[in-house]
PDB file of N, CA and C in Angstrom:
ATOM      1  N   MET A   1      43.061  67.949  38.338  1.00  0.00           N
ATOM      2  CA  MET A   1      42.658  69.205  38.939  1.00  0.00           C
ATOM      3  C   MET A   1      42.058  68.873  40.644  1.00  0.00           C
ATOM      4  N   SER A   2      41.101  67.805  40.454  1.00  0.00           N
ATOM      5  CA  SER A   2      40.257  67.570  41.839  1.00  0.00           C
ATOM      6  C   SER A   2      41.658  67.414  42.745  1.00  0.00           C
ATOM      7  N   ALA A   3      42.466  66.667  42.755  1.00  0.00           N
ATOM      8  CA  ALA A   3      43.694  66.462  43.678  1.00  0.00           C
ATOM      9  C   ALA A   3      44.380  67.820  44.126  1.00  0.00           C
ATOM     10  N   THR A   4      44.502  68.684  43.192  1.00  0.00           N
ATOM     11  CA  THR A   4      45.257  69.792  43.104  1.00  0.00           C
ATOM     12  C   THR A   4      44.531  70.829  44.184  1.00  0.00           C
ATOM     13  N   ILE A   5      42.952  70.869  43.870  1.00  0.00           N
ATOM     14  CA  ILE A   5      42.251  71.737  44.656  1.00  0.00           C
ATOM     15  C   ILE A   5      42.094  71.278  46.217  1.00  0.00           C
ATOM     16  N   ARG A   6      42.009  69.791  46.319  1.00  0.00           N
ATOM     17  CA  ARG A   6      41.863  69.298  47.627  1.00  0.00           C
ATOM     18  C   ARG A   6      43.390  69.491  48.450  1.00  0.00           C
ATOM     19  N   GLU A   7      44.359  69.621  47.576  1.00  0.00           N
ATOM     20  CA  GLU A   7      45.543  69.397  48.136  1.00  0.00           C
ATOM     21  C   GLU A   7      46.000  71.050  48.607  1.00  0.00           C
ATOM     22  N   LYS A   8      45.810  72.023  47.976  1.00  0.00           N
ATOM     23  CA  LYS A   8      45.809  73.522  47.818  1.00  0.00           C
ATOM     24  C   LYS A   8      44.893  74.387  48.621  1.00  0.00           C
ATOM     25  N   LEU A   9      43.565  73.795  48.736  1.00  0.00           N
ATOM     26  CA  LEU A   9      42.466  74.486  48.992  1.00  0.00           C
ATOM     27  C   LEU A   9      41.978  73.460  50.275  1.00  0.00           C
ATOM     28  N   GLY A  10      41.972  72.487  50.487  1.00  0.00           N
ATOM     29  CA  GLY A  10      41.361  71.445  51.263  1.00  0.00           C
ATOM     30  C   GLY A  10      39.931  71.373  50.539  1.00  0.00           C
ATOM     31  N   VAL A  11      39.370  71.742  49.570  1.00  0.00           N
ATOM     32  CA  VAL A  11      38.408  71.452  49.307  1.00  0.00           C
ATOM     33  C   VAL A  11      37.915  70.169  48.243  1.00  0.00           C
ATOM     34  N   GLU A  12      37.128  69.553  48.699  1.00  0.00           N
ATOM     35  CA  GLU A  12      36.488  68.115  47.835  1.00  0.00           C
ATOM     36  C   GLU A  12      35.691  68.689  47.018  1.00  0.00           C
ATOM     37  N   VAL A  13      36.049  68.062  45.397  1.00  0.00           N
ATOM     38  CA  VAL A  13      35.062  68.209  44.192  1.00  0.00           C
ATOM     39  C   VAL A  13      34.958  67.335  43.725  1.00  0.00           C
ATOM     40  N   ASP A  14      34.217  67.111  42.601  1.00  0.00           N
ATOM     41  CA  ASP A  14      33.909  65.779  41.848  1.00  0.00           C
ATOM     42  C   ASP A  14      35.314  65.441  40.985  1.00  0.00           C
ATOM     43  N   PRO A  15      35.310  64.453  40.490  1.00  0.00           N
ATOM     44  CA  PRO A  15      36.504  64.057  39.766  1.00  0.00           C
ATOM     45  C   PRO A  15      36.661  64.857  38.370  1.00  0.00           C
ATOM     46  N   TYR A  16      37.924  65.596  38.506  1.00  0.00           N
ATOM     47  CA  TYR A  16      38.028  66.362  37.192  1.00  0.00           C
ATOM     48  C   TYR A  16      39.432  66.499  36.565  1.00  0.00           C
ATOM     49  N   VAL A  17      39.408  65.789  35.632  1.00  0.00           N
ATOM     50  CA  VAL A  17      41.154  65.684  34.983  1.00  0.00           C
ATOM     51  C   VAL A  17      41.280  66.703  33.691  1.00  0.00           C
ATOM     52  N   ILE A  18      42.442  67.121  33.761  1.00  0.00           N
ATOM     53  CA  ILE A  18      42.650  67.888  32.775  1.00  0.00           C
ATOM     54  C   ILE A  18      43.629  67.317  32.001  1.00  0.00           C
ATOM     55  N   LEU A  19      43.626  66.803  30.720  1.00  0.00           N
ATOM     56  CA  LEU A  19      44.548  66.019  30.130  1.00  0.00           C
ATOM     57  C   LEU A  19      45.331  66.768  28.855  1.00  0.00           C
ATOM     58  N   GLY A  20      46.668  66.902  28.903  1.00  0.00           N
ATOM     59  CA  GLY A  20      47.696  67.429  27.872  1.00  0.00           C
ATOM     60  C   GLY A  20      47.238  66.575  26.975  1.00  0.00           C
ATOM     61  N   ALA A  21      46.702  66.872  25.903  1.00  0.00           N
ATOM     62  CA  ALA A  21      46.403  66.060  24.415  1.00  0.00           C
ATOM     63  C   ALA A  21      47.111  66.687  23.120  1.00  0.00           C
ATOM     64  N   CYS A  22      48.240  67.614  23.391  1.00  0.00           N
ATOM     65  CA  CYS A  22      48.976  68.175  22.188  1.00  0.00           C
ATOM     66  C   CYS A  22      49.699  67.258  21.581  1.00  0.00           C
ATOM     67  N   ASN A  23      49.564  67.360  20.180  1.00  0.00           N
ATOM     68  CA  ASN A  23      50.188  66.368  19.516  1.00  0.00           C
ATOM     69  C   ASN A  23      51.560  66.976  18.839  1.00  0.00           C
ATOM     70  N   PRO A  24      52.765  66.530  19.006  1.00  0.00           N
ATOM     71  CA  PRO A  24      53.934  67.344  18.762  1.00  0.00           C
ATOM     72  C   PRO A  24      54.148  67.766  17.217  1.00  0.00           C
ATOM     73  N   GLU A  25      53.441  66.558  16.542  1.00  0.00           N
ATOM     74  CA  GLU A  25      53.707  66.854  15.130  1.00  0.00           C
ATOM     75  C   GLU A  25      52.645  68.068  14.537  1.00  0.00           C
ATOM     76  N   PHE A  26      51.392  67.827  15.137  1.00  0.00           N
ATOM     77  CA  PHE A  26      50.735  69.183  14.768  1.00  0.00           C
ATOM     78  C   PHE A  26      51.140  70.478  15.190  1.00  0.00           C
ATOM     79  N   ALA A  27      51.556  70.196  16.684  1.00  0.00           N
ATOM     80  CA  ALA A  27      52.169  71.561  17.112  1.00  0.00           C
ATOM     81  C   ALA A  27      53.424  72.349  16.184  1.00  0.00           C
ATOM     82  N   ARG A  28      54.226  71.250  16.035  1.00  0.00           N
ATOM     83  CA  ARG A  28      55.597  71.671  15.269  1.00  0.00           C
ATOM     84  C   ARG A  28      54.766  72.551  13.779  1.00  0.00           C
ATOM     85  N   THR A  29      53.999  71.456  13.292  1.00  0.00           N
ATOM     86  CA  THR A  29      53.363  72.161  11.874  1.00  0.00           C
ATOM     87  C   THR A  29      52.639  73.710  11.918  1.00  0.00           C
ATOM     88  N   ALA A  30      52.007  73.734  13.057  1.00  0.00           N
ATOM     89  CA  ALA A  30      51.145  75.024  13.337  1.00  0.00           C
ATOM     90  C   ALA A  30      52.392  76.126  13.404  1.00  0.00           C
ATOM     91  N   VAL A  31      53.200  75.882  14.493  1.00  0.00           N
ATOM     92  CA  VAL A  31      54.103  77.122  14.547  1.00  0.00           C
ATOM     93  C   VAL A  31      54.708  77.260  13.202  1.00  0.00           C
ATOM     94  N   GLU A  32      55.182  76.124  12.711  1.00  0.00           N
ATOM     95  CA  GLU A  32      55.777  76.656  11.494  1.00  0.00           C
ATOM     96  C   GLU A  32      54.811  77.634  10.419  1.00  0.00           C
ATOM     97  N   ARG A  33      53.701  77.273  10.473  1.00  0.00           N
ATOM     98  CA  ARG A  33      52.942  77.699   9.763  1.00  0.00           C
ATOM     99  C   ARG A  33      52.503  79.550  10.124  1.00  0.00           C
ATOM    100  N   GLU A  34      52.107  79.632  11.848  1.00  0.00           N
ATOM    101  CA  GLU A  34      52.164  81.016  12.227  1.00  0.00           C
ATOM    102  C   GLU A  34      53.204  81.031  13.373  1.00  0.00           C
ATOM    103  N   PRO A  35      54.101  81.596  13.430  1.00  0.00           N
ATOM    104  CA  PRO A  35      55.018  81.242  14.807  1.00  0.00           C
ATOM    105  C   PRO A  35      54.316  81.584  15.964  1.00  0.00           C
ATOM    106  N   SER A  36      53.445  82.574  16.110  1.00  0.00           N
ATOM    107  CA  SER A  36      52.786  83.170  17.325  1.00  0.00           C
ATOM    108  C   SER A  36      51.534  82.377  17.858  1.00  0.00           C
ATOM    109  N   ILE A  37      51.466  81.243  16.945  1.00  0.00           N
ATOM    110  CA  ILE A  37      50.063  80.308  17.295  1.00  0.00           C
ATOM    111  C   ILE A  37      50.332  79.620  18.907  1.00  0.00           C
ATOM    112  N   GLY A  38      51.836  79.692  19.299  1.00  0.00           N
ATOM    113  CA  GLY A  38      51.681  78.873  20.524  1.00  0.00           C
ATOM    114  C   GLY A  38      50.773  79.244  21.888  1.00  0.00           C
ATOM    115  N   VAL A  39      50.298  80.622  21.809  1.00  0.00           N
ATOM    116  CA  VAL A  39      49.731  80.822  22.591  1.00  0.00           C
ATOM    117  C   VAL A  39      48.049  80.655  22.579  1.00  0.00           C
ATOM    118  N   LEU A  40      48.032  79.978  21.194  1.00  0.00           N
ATOM    119  CA  LEU A  40      46.510  79.732  20.893  1.00  0.00           C
ATOM    120  C   LEU A  40      46.466  78.216  20.930  1.00  0.00           C
ATOM    121  N   LEU A  41      47.220  77.517  21.119  1.00  0.00           N
ATOM    122  CA  LEU A  41      47.524  75.874  20.599  1.00  0.00           C
ATOM    123  C   LEU A  41      45.980  75.128  21.710  1.00  0.00           C
ATOM    124  N   PRO A  42      45.166  74.591  21.294  1.00  0.00           N
ATOM    125  CA  PRO A  42      44.285  73.690  22.047  1.00  0.00           C
ATOM    126  C   PRO A  42      44.578  72.729  22.348  1.00  0.00           C
ATOM    127  N   CYS A  43      45.563  72.268  23.506  1.00  0.00           N
ATOM    128  CA  CYS A  43      46.091  71.121  23.868  1.00  0.00           C
ATOM    129  C   CYS A  43      45.264  70.198  24.936  1.00  0.00           C
ATOM    130  N   ASN A  44      43.971  71.028  25.675  1.00  0.00           N
ATOM    131  CA  ASN A  44      43.685  70.494  26.858  1.00  0.00           C
ATOM    132  C   ASN A  44      42.400  69.173  26.464  1.00  0.00           C
ATOM    133  N   VAL A  45      42.152  68.462  27.039  1.00  0.00           N
ATOM    134  CA  VAL A  45      41.156  67.584  27.133  1.00  0.00           C
ATOM    135  C   VAL A  45      40.666  67.544  28.545  1.00  0.00           C
ATOM    136  N   VAL A  46      39.363  67.660  28.790  1.00  0.00           N
ATOM    137  CA  VAL A  46      38.977  67.673  30.221  1.00  0.00           C
ATOM    138  C   VAL A  46      38.059  66.122  30.372  1.00  0.00           C
ATOM    139  N   VAL A  47      38.277  65.330  30.974  1.00  0.00           N
ATOM    140  CA  VAL A  47      37.475  64.253  31.840  1.00  0.00           C
ATOM    141  C   VAL A  47      36.649  64.462  33.393  1.00  0.00           C
ATOM    142  N   ARG A  48      35.422  64.694  33.444  1.00  0.00           N
ATOM    143  CA  ARG A  48      34.723  65.147  34.376  1.00  0.00           C
ATOM    144  C   ARG A  48      33.790  63.983  34.822  1.00  0.00           C
ATOM    145  N   SER A  49      33.713  64.270  36.166  1.00  0.00           N
ATOM    146  CA  SER A  49      32.359  63.561  36.286  1.00  0.00           C
ATOM    147  C   SER A  49      31.028  64.297  36.484  1.00  0.00           C
ATOM    148  N   THR A  50      29.627  63.453  35.886  1.00  0.00           N
ATOM    149  CA  THR A  50      28.733  64.480  35.540  1.00  0.00           C
ATOM    150  C   THR A  50      27.742  63.604  36.717  1.00  0.00           C
ATOM    151  N   GLY A  51      28.626  62.980  37.757  1.00  0.00           N
ATOM    152  CA  GLY A  51      27.437  62.599  39.065  1.00  0.00           C
ATOM    153  C   GLY A  51      27.274  60.822  38.992  1.00  0.00           C
ATOM    154  N   GLY A  52      27.209  60.224  39.809  1.00  0.00           N
ATOM    155  CA  GLY A  52      26.886  58.755  39.763  1.00  0.00           C
ATOM    156  C   GLY A  52      28.144  58.006  38.929  1.00  0.00           C
ATOM    157  N   ASP A  53      27.663  57.476  37.728  1.00  0.00           N
ATOM    158  CA  ASP A  53      28.743  56.685  36.971  1.00  0.00           C
ATOM    159  C   ASP A  53      29.262  57.631  35.489  1.00  0.00           C
ATOM    160  N   GLY A  54      28.724  58.454  35.477  1.00  0.00           N
ATOM    161  CA  GLY A  54      28.352  59.338  34.425  1.00  0.00           C
ATOM    162  C   GLY A  54      29.769  60.229  34.358  1.00  0.00           C
ATOM    163  N   VAL A  55      30.334  60.345  33.186  1.00  0.00           N
ATOM    164  CA  VAL A  55      31.742  60.842  32.586  1.00  0.00           C
ATOM    165  C   VAL A  55      31.506  61.723  31.455  1.00  0.00           C
ATOM    166  N   MET A  56      31.941  62.979  31.608  1.00  0.00           N
ATOM    167  CA  MET A  56      31.775  63.803  30.425  1.00  0.00           C
ATOM    168  C   MET A  56      33.362  64.046  30.239  1.00  0.00           C
ATOM    169  N   VAL A  57      33.451  64.170  28.583  1.00  0.00           N
ATOM    170  CA  VAL A  57      34.734  64.242  27.835  1.00  0.00           C
ATOM    171  C   VAL A  57      35.212  65.730  27.194  1.00  0.00           C
ATOM    172  N   ASP A  58      35.260  66.785  27.591  1.00  0.00           N
ATOM    173  CA  ASP A  58      35.047  68.028  26.626  1.00  0.00           C
ATOM    174  C   ASP A  58      36.596  68.264  26.165  1.00  0.00           C
ATOM    175  N   PHE A  59      36.416  68.854  24.953  1.00  0.00           N
ATOM    176  CA  PHE A  59      37.824  69.877  24.200  1.00  0.00           C
ATOM    177  C   PHE A  59      36.974  70.772  23.637  1.00  0.00           C
ATOM    178  N   MET A  60      38.010  71.874  23.522  1.00  0.00           N
ATOM    179  CA  MET A  60      37.731  72.923  22.757  1.00  0.00           C
ATOM    180  C   MET A  60      37.909  72.708  20.886  1.00  0.00           C
ATOM    181  N   ASP A  61      36.945  72.922  20.348  1.00  0.00           N
ATOM    182  CA  ASP A  61      36.958  73.033  18.631  1.00  0.00           C
ATOM    183  C   ASP A  61      38.191  73.740  18.358  1.00  0.00           C
ATOM    184  N   PRO A  62      39.349  72.854  17.861  1.00  0.00           N
ATOM    185  CA  PRO A  62      40.480  74.019  17.659  1.00  0.00           C
ATOM    186  C   PRO A  62      40.271  74.638  16.611  1.00  0.00           C
ATOM    187  N   SER A  63      39.340  74.721  15.635  1.00  0.00           N
ATOM    188  CA  SER A  63      39.069  75.958  14.858  1.00  0.00           C
ATOM    189  C   SER A  63      38.593  77.344  15.515  1.00  0.00           C
ATOM    190  N   VAL A  64      38.000  77.231  16.433  1.00  0.00           N
ATOM    191  CA  VAL A  64      37.597  78.318  16.932  1.00  0.00           C
ATOM    192  C   VAL A  64      38.863  79.369  17.514  1.00  0.00           C
ATOM    193  N   MET A  65      39.613  78.641  18.284  1.00  0.00           N
ATOM    194  CA  MET A  65      41.103  79.179  18.791  1.00  0.00           C
ATOM    195  C   MET A  65      42.195  79.563  17.618  1.00  0.00           C
ATOM    196  N   LEU A  66      42.316  78.640  16.560  1.00  0.00           N
ATOM    197  CA  LEU A  66      43.198  78.567  15.460  1.00  0.00           C
ATOM    198  C   LEU A  66      42.659  79.692  14.330  1.00  0.00           C
ATOM    199  N   ASP A  67      41.481  79.592  14.292  1.00  0.00           N
ATOM    200  CA  ASP A  67      40.962  80.400  12.885  1.00  0.00           C
ATOM    201  C   ASP A  67      41.353  81.874  13.356  1.00  0.00           C
ATOM    202  N   LEU A  68      41.444  82.250  14.574  1.00  0.00           N
ATOM    203  CA  LEU A  68      41.813  83.620  15.441  1.00  0.00           C
ATOM    204  C   LEU A  68      43.130  84.216  14.056  1.00  0.00           C
ATOM    205  N   VAL A  69      44.212  83.522  13.840  1.00  0.00           N
ATOM    206  CA  VAL A  69      45.235  83.960  12.925  1.00  0.00           C
ATOM    207  C   VAL A  69      45.017  84.274  11.731  1.00  0.00           C
ATOM    208  N   GLY A  70      43.631  83.620  11.280  1.00  0.00           N
ATOM    209  CA  GLY A  70      43.387  84.026   9.992  1.00  0.00           C
ATOM    210  C   GLY A  70      44.267  83.331   8.507  1.00  0.00           C
ATOM    211  N   GLU A  71      44.947  82.302   9.012  1.00  0.00           N
ATOM    212  CA  GLU A  71      45.818  81.729   7.904  1.00  0.00           C
ATOM    213  C   GLU A  71      45.272  80.457   7.326  1.00  0.00           C
ATOM    214  N   LYS A  72      44.877  80.434   6.325  1.00  0.00           N
ATOM    215  CA  LYS A  72      44.315  78.888   5.753  1.00  0.00           C
ATOM    216  C   LYS A  72      44.995  77.903   5.989  1.00  0.00           C
ATOM    217  N   ARG A  73      46.535  77.801   5.935  1.00  0.00           N
ATOM    218  CA  ARG A  73      46.756  76.409   5.911  1.00  0.00           C
ATOM    219  C   ARG A  73      46.850  76.202   7.817  1.00  0.00           C
ATOM    220  N   VAL A  74      46.696  76.988   8.528  1.00  0.00           N
ATOM    221  CA  VAL A  74      46.313  76.748   9.966  1.00  0.00           C
ATOM    222  C   VAL A  74      44.733  76.204  10.192  1.00  0.00           C
ATOM    223  N   HIS A  75      43.960  76.874   9.528  1.00  0.00           N
ATOM    224  CA  HIS A  75      42.623  76.407   9.364  1.00  0.00           C
ATOM    225  C   HIS A  75      42.562  74.878   9.323  1.00  0.00           C
ATOM    226  N   GLU A  76      43.207  74.634   7.850  1.00  0.00           N
ATOM    227  CA  GLU A  76      43.112  73.281   7.434  1.00  0.00           C
ATOM    228  C   GLU A  76      43.754  72.407   8.761  1.00  0.00           C
ATOM    229  N   LEU A  77      44.761  72.617   9.410  1.00  0.00           N
ATOM    230  CA  LEU A  77      45.395  71.878  10.423  1.00  0.00           C
ATOM    231  C   LEU A  77      44.214  71.789  11.546  1.00  0.00           C
ATOM    232  N   ALA A  78      43.603  72.762  11.524  1.00  0.00           N
ATOM    233  CA  ALA A  78      42.611  72.597  12.924  1.00  0.00           C
ATOM    234  C   ALA A  78      41.812  71.759  12.754  1.00  0.00           C
ATOM    235  N   GLU A  79      41.246  71.707  11.419  1.00  0.00           N
ATOM    236  CA  GLU A  79      39.881  70.603  10.841  1.00  0.00           C
ATOM    237  C   GLU A  79      40.631  69.276  11.208  1.00  0.00           C
ATOM    238  N   GLU A  80      41.716  68.717  10.733  1.00  0.00           N
ATOM    239  CA  GLU A  80      42.233  67.832  10.861  1.00  0.00           C
ATOM    240  C   GLU A  80      42.261  67.493  12.610  1.00  0.00           C
ATOM    241  N   VAL A  81      42.842  68.022  13.406  1.00  0.00           N
ATOM    242  CA  VAL A  81      43.155  68.052  14.907  1.00  0.00           C
ATOM    243  C   VAL A  81      41.360  68.170  15.194  1.00  0.00           C
ATOM    244  N   ARG A  82      40.734  68.874  14.839  1.00  0.00           N
ATOM    245  CA  ARG A  82      39.107  68.441  15.297  1.00  0.00           C
ATOM    246  C   ARG A  82      38.725  66.976  15.143  1.00  0.00           C
ATOM    247  N   THR A  83      38.955  66.505  13.943  1.00  0.00           N
ATOM    248  CA  THR A  83      38.668  65.581  13.338  1.00  0.00           C
ATOM    249  C   THR A  83      38.774  64.213  14.292  1.00  0.00           C
ATOM    250  N   ARG A  84      40.379  64.240  14.517  1.00  0.00           N
ATOM    251  CA  ARG A  84      40.643  63.293  15.345  1.00  0.00           C
ATOM    252  C   ARG A  84      40.414  63.519  16.907  1.00  0.00           C
ATOM    253  N   LEU A  85      40.082  64.431  17.219  1.00  0.00           N
ATOM    254  CA  LEU A  85      39.522  64.421  18.827  1.00  0.00           C
ATOM    255  C   LEU A  85      38.005  64.083  18.967  1.00  0.00           C
ATOM    256  N   GLU A  86      37.037  64.357  17.591  1.00  0.00           N
ATOM    257  CA  GLU A  86      36.278  63.602  17.791  1.00  0.00           C
ATOM    258  C   GLU A  86      35.995  62.268  17.602  1.00  0.00           C
ATOM    259  N   MET A  87      36.997  61.713  16.754  1.00  0.00           N
ATOM    260  CA  MET A  87      36.860  60.278  16.578  1.00  0.00           C
ATOM    261  C   MET A  87      37.535  59.403  18.199  1.00  0.00           C
ATOM    262  N   THR A  88      38.324  60.378  18.736  1.00  0.00           N
ATOM    263  CA  THR A  88      38.764  59.953  20.228  1.00  0.00           C
ATOM    264  C   THR A  88      37.620  60.071  21.226  1.00  0.00           C
ATOM    265  N   ARG A  89      37.151  60.967  21.207  1.00  0.00           N
ATOM    266  CA  ARG A  89      35.644  61.340  22.212  1.00  0.00           C
ATOM    267  C   ARG A  89      34.574  60.100  21.587  1.00  0.00           C
ATOM    268  N   ASP A  90      34.252  59.958  20.081  1.00  0.00           N
ATOM    269  CA  ASP A  90      33.378  58.718  19.905  1.00  0.00           C
ATOM    270  C   ASP A  90      33.810  57.649  20.555  1.00  0.00           C
ATOM    271  N   ALA A  91      34.827  57.152  20.352  1.00  0.00           N
ATOM    272  CA  ALA A  91      35.683  56.063  20.992  1.00  0.00           C
ATOM    273  C   ALA A  91      35.322  55.615  22.106  1.00  0.00           C
ATOM    274  N   ILE A  92      35.784  56.798  22.890  1.00  0.00           N
ATOM    275  CA  ILE A  92      35.308  56.828  24.170  1.00  0.00           C
ATOM    276  C   ILE A  92      34.370  56.565  24.959  1.00  0.00           C
ATOM    277  N   ALA A  93      33.073  57.332  24.012  1.00  0.00           N
ATOM    278  CA  ALA A  93      31.952  57.028  24.082  1.00  0.00           C
ATOM    279  C   ALA A  93      31.309  55.541  24.123  1.00  0.00           C
ATOM    280  N   THR A  94      31.684  54.827  23.152  1.00  0.00           N
ATOM    281  CA  THR A  94      31.611  53.400  22.707  1.00  0.00           C
ATOM    282  C   THR A  94      31.794  52.512  23.391  1.00  0.00           C
ATOM    283  N   SER A  95      32.736  52.877  24.186  1.00  0.00           N
ATOM    284  CA  SER A  95      33.663  51.977  25.068  1.00  0.00           C
ATOM    285  C   SER A  95      32.856  51.508  26.461  1.00  0.00           C
TER     286      SER A  95
END
């Protein structure tokens, strides 16, 4: 995102990257369980500078978005996705 802002607006901002972290298998399963869920799929992970050498990794809790559809099987899937995102975040934090 920082490169796009620099290119489009000529403004320098701290490093900020948005990663598309969508897992095709999870996405397929979610759409099978609730066809209109595509608008809610939480597929972004943000990696941003916190100043100096600090880095923050942010992601939306999938349950927050996917629970909007009220489908139990989608909630179960969201819990699994959240667990995997947390494991990835924790692995990054310890490396």
